[in-house]
């Protein structure tokens, strides 16, 4: 897939990659090659969370919804 335009994070450098998690078009500086995601999603994933468009559902208090929550 060809990426065109500017990085959606810094809004100045040419976007060369597309985040596999959220779909942002990002430049080389804002792309984590090891994880194939943008810098924003890489930070979230390292913290154990999801990104804006990739995390699981959240329940009250922002915790992840699990089977016990669904069965209540």
N, C-alpha and C. Protein backbone atom coordinates (compact mmCIF):
# COMPACT_ATOMS: atom_id res chain seq x y z
N UNK A 1 0.85 -1.17 0.00
CA UNK A 1 0.00 0.00 0.00
C UNK A 1 0.89 1.23 0.00
N UNK A 2 0.56 2.17 -0.82
CA UNK A 2 1.32 3.41 -0.92
C UNK A 2 0.76 4.45 0.05
N UNK A 3 1.64 5.06 0.82
CA UNK A 3 1.24 6.08 1.78
C UNK A 3 1.60 7.44 1.20
N UNK A 4 0.67 8.36 1.22
CA UNK A 4 0.94 9.71 0.75
C UNK A 4 0.51 10.71 1.81
N UNK A 5 1.12 11.87 1.78
CA UNK A 5 0.78 12.93 2.72
C UNK A 5 1.81 13.08 3.82
N UNK A 6 1.42 13.82 4.84
CA UNK A 6 2.33 14.08 5.95
C UNK A 6 1.96 13.21 7.15
N UNK A 7 2.91 13.06 8.02
CA UNK A 7 2.74 12.28 9.25
C UNK A 7 1.58 12.85 10.06
N UNK A 8 0.71 11.99 10.53
CA UNK A 8 -0.43 12.42 11.32
C UNK A 8 -0.07 12.69 12.78
N UNK A 9 1.18 12.51 13.14
CA UNK A 9 1.63 12.84 14.49
C UNK A 9 2.35 14.18 14.49
N UNK A 10 3.42 14.31 13.70
CA UNK A 10 4.19 15.56 13.69
C UNK A 10 3.67 16.57 12.66
N UNK A 11 2.91 16.10 11.71
CA UNK A 11 2.32 16.94 10.66
C UNK A 11 3.34 17.74 9.86
N UNK A 12 4.56 17.20 9.73
CA UNK A 12 5.57 17.90 8.93
C UNK A 12 6.34 16.96 8.01
N UNK A 13 6.77 15.82 8.51
CA UNK A 13 7.56 14.89 7.70
C UNK A 13 6.63 14.05 6.81
N UNK A 14 7.20 13.53 5.74
CA UNK A 14 6.43 12.69 4.82
C UNK A 14 6.07 11.36 5.49
N UNK A 15 4.81 11.00 5.41
CA UNK A 15 4.35 9.72 5.96
C UNK A 15 4.83 8.59 5.06
N UNK A 16 5.45 7.59 5.65
CA UNK A 16 5.97 6.45 4.89
C UNK A 16 5.41 5.12 5.38
N UNK A 17 4.71 5.13 6.51
CA UNK A 17 4.20 3.90 7.10
C UNK A 17 2.75 4.08 7.54
N UNK A 18 2.05 2.97 7.66
CA UNK A 18 0.68 2.96 8.16
C UNK A 18 0.64 2.08 9.41
N UNK A 19 0.12 2.60 10.50
CA UNK A 19 0.03 1.86 11.75
C UNK A 19 -0.93 0.69 11.61
N UNK A 20 -0.49 -0.49 12.02
CA UNK A 20 -1.32 -1.69 11.93
C UNK A 20 -2.42 -1.70 12.99
N UNK A 21 -2.29 -0.86 14.01
CA UNK A 21 -3.26 -0.82 15.11
C UNK A 21 -4.37 0.20 14.84
N UNK A 22 -4.01 1.43 14.51
CA UNK A 22 -5.00 2.51 14.39
C UNK A 22 -5.15 3.05 12.98
N UNK A 23 -4.20 2.73 12.10
CA UNK A 23 -4.28 3.18 10.72
C UNK A 23 -3.67 4.54 10.43
N UNK A 24 -3.06 5.20 11.44
CA UNK A 24 -2.43 6.49 11.20
C UNK A 24 -1.32 6.36 10.16
N UNK A 25 -1.21 7.36 9.30
CA UNK A 25 -0.08 7.47 8.38
C UNK A 25 1.00 8.23 9.13
N UNK A 26 2.18 7.63 9.27
CA UNK A 26 3.24 8.24 10.07
C UNK A 26 4.58 8.21 9.37
N UNK A 27 5.46 9.12 9.80
CA UNK A 27 6.81 9.20 9.26
C UNK A 27 7.71 8.16 9.92
N UNK A 28 8.92 8.08 9.43
CA UNK A 28 9.91 7.13 9.96
C UNK A 28 10.15 7.34 11.46
N UNK A 29 10.22 8.60 11.90
CA UNK A 29 10.50 8.91 13.30
C UNK A 29 9.38 8.49 14.25
N UNK A 30 8.17 8.39 13.75
CA UNK A 30 7.03 8.08 14.61
C UNK A 30 6.46 6.68 14.36
N UNK A 31 7.29 5.81 13.80
CA UNK A 31 6.89 4.43 13.51
C UNK A 31 7.79 3.47 14.25
N UNK A 32 7.20 2.51 14.95
CA UNK A 32 7.95 1.48 15.66
C UNK A 32 7.98 0.24 14.76
N UNK A 33 9.11 0.02 14.10
CA UNK A 33 9.24 -1.09 13.14
C UNK A 33 9.04 -2.45 13.81
N UNK A 34 9.55 -2.61 15.00
CA UNK A 34 9.46 -3.88 15.71
C UNK A 34 8.00 -4.28 15.96
N UNK A 35 7.18 -3.31 16.30
CA UNK A 35 5.78 -3.58 16.62
C UNK A 35 4.84 -3.31 15.44
N UNK A 36 5.35 -2.68 14.38
CA UNK A 36 4.57 -2.31 13.19
C UNK A 36 3.39 -1.40 13.52
N UNK A 37 3.63 -0.50 14.47
CA UNK A 37 2.60 0.45 14.88
C UNK A 37 3.21 1.83 15.06
N UNK A 38 2.35 2.85 15.15
CA UNK A 38 2.84 4.21 15.37
C UNK A 38 3.33 4.36 16.80
N UNK A 39 4.04 5.46 17.05
CA UNK A 39 4.59 5.75 18.37
C UNK A 39 3.49 5.80 19.44
N UNK A 40 2.34 6.35 19.12
CA UNK A 40 1.24 6.47 20.08
C UNK A 40 0.74 5.08 20.49
N UNK A 41 0.49 4.21 19.52
CA UNK A 41 0.01 2.86 19.81
C UNK A 41 1.08 2.02 20.50
N UNK A 42 2.34 2.19 20.11
CA UNK A 42 3.43 1.44 20.74
C UNK A 42 3.50 1.76 22.22
N UNK A 43 3.35 3.03 22.57
CA UNK A 43 3.36 3.44 23.98
C UNK A 43 2.20 2.78 24.72
N UNK A 44 1.01 2.81 24.14
CA UNK A 44 -0.16 2.20 24.77
C UNK A 44 0.03 0.69 24.93
N UNK A 45 0.53 0.04 23.90
CA UNK A 45 0.71 -1.41 23.96
C UNK A 45 1.76 -1.80 25.00
N UNK A 46 2.81 -1.00 25.13
CA UNK A 46 3.84 -1.29 26.14
C UNK A 46 3.29 -1.15 27.55
N UNK A 47 2.31 -0.25 27.72
CA UNK A 47 1.68 -0.06 29.02
C UNK A 47 0.61 -1.11 29.28
N UNK A 48 0.34 -1.94 28.28
CA UNK A 48 -0.66 -2.99 28.45
C UNK A 48 -2.05 -2.58 28.04
N UNK A 49 -2.19 -1.41 27.45
CA UNK A 49 -3.51 -0.95 27.02
C UNK A 49 -3.65 -1.08 25.53
N UNK A 50 -4.83 -0.72 25.04
CA UNK A 50 -5.09 -0.69 23.62
C UNK A 50 -4.96 0.73 23.13
N UNK A 51 -5.04 0.92 21.85
CA UNK A 51 -5.03 2.27 21.30
C UNK A 51 -6.46 2.76 21.15
N UNK A 52 -6.59 3.94 20.59
CA UNK A 52 -7.90 4.54 20.39
C UNK A 52 -8.86 3.61 19.66
N UNK A 53 -8.39 2.95 18.67
CA UNK A 53 -9.30 2.13 17.87
C UNK A 53 -9.02 0.64 17.98
N UNK A 54 -8.20 0.25 18.95
CA UNK A 54 -7.88 -1.16 18.99
C UNK A 54 -8.07 -1.83 20.32
N UNK A 55 -8.26 -1.07 21.39
CA UNK A 55 -8.40 -1.66 22.70
C UNK A 55 -9.74 -2.34 22.87
N UNK A 56 -9.80 -3.20 23.85
CA UNK A 56 -11.05 -3.88 24.13
C UNK A 56 -12.02 -2.96 24.84
N UNK A 57 -13.22 -3.47 25.10
CA UNK A 57 -14.23 -2.65 25.77
C UNK A 57 -13.81 -2.34 27.20
N UNK A 58 -14.21 -1.17 27.65
CA UNK A 58 -13.89 -0.75 29.01
C UNK A 58 -15.17 -0.70 29.83
N UNK A 59 -15.09 -1.15 31.06
CA UNK A 59 -16.24 -1.11 31.96
C UNK A 59 -16.15 0.11 32.87
N UNK A 60 -16.95 0.09 33.93
CA UNK A 60 -16.91 1.19 34.89
C UNK A 60 -15.52 1.33 35.46
N UNK A 61 -15.09 2.55 35.63
CA UNK A 61 -13.76 2.80 36.18
C UNK A 61 -12.65 2.60 35.18
N UNK A 62 -12.97 2.34 33.92
CA UNK A 62 -11.96 2.21 32.89
C UNK A 62 -11.27 0.87 32.82
N UNK A 63 -11.72 -0.12 33.62
CA UNK A 63 -11.05 -1.43 33.57
C UNK A 63 -11.57 -2.24 32.39
N UNK A 64 -10.78 -3.20 31.96
CA UNK A 64 -11.20 -4.06 30.85
C UNK A 64 -12.40 -4.89 31.28
N UNK A 65 -13.33 -5.07 30.37
CA UNK A 65 -14.50 -5.90 30.62
C UNK A 65 -14.08 -7.35 30.46
N UNK A 66 -14.43 -8.19 31.44
CA UNK A 66 -14.10 -9.61 31.34
C UNK A 66 -15.38 -10.43 31.44
N UNK A 67 -15.27 -11.76 31.45
CA UNK A 67 -16.44 -12.64 31.50
C UNK A 67 -17.29 -12.39 32.73
N UNK A 68 -16.67 -12.13 33.87
CA UNK A 68 -17.43 -11.88 35.09
C UNK A 68 -18.33 -10.65 34.95
N UNK A 69 -17.83 -9.62 34.28
CA UNK A 69 -18.64 -8.42 34.06
C UNK A 69 -19.84 -8.72 33.17
N UNK A 70 -19.65 -9.54 32.18
CA UNK A 70 -20.72 -9.86 31.24
C UNK A 70 -21.79 -10.71 31.92
N UNK A 71 -21.38 -11.61 32.80
CA UNK A 71 -22.31 -12.51 33.46
C UNK A 71 -23.09 -11.85 34.59
N UNK A 72 -22.70 -10.67 35.01
CA UNK A 72 -23.39 -9.98 36.11
C UNK A 72 -24.68 -9.40 35.66
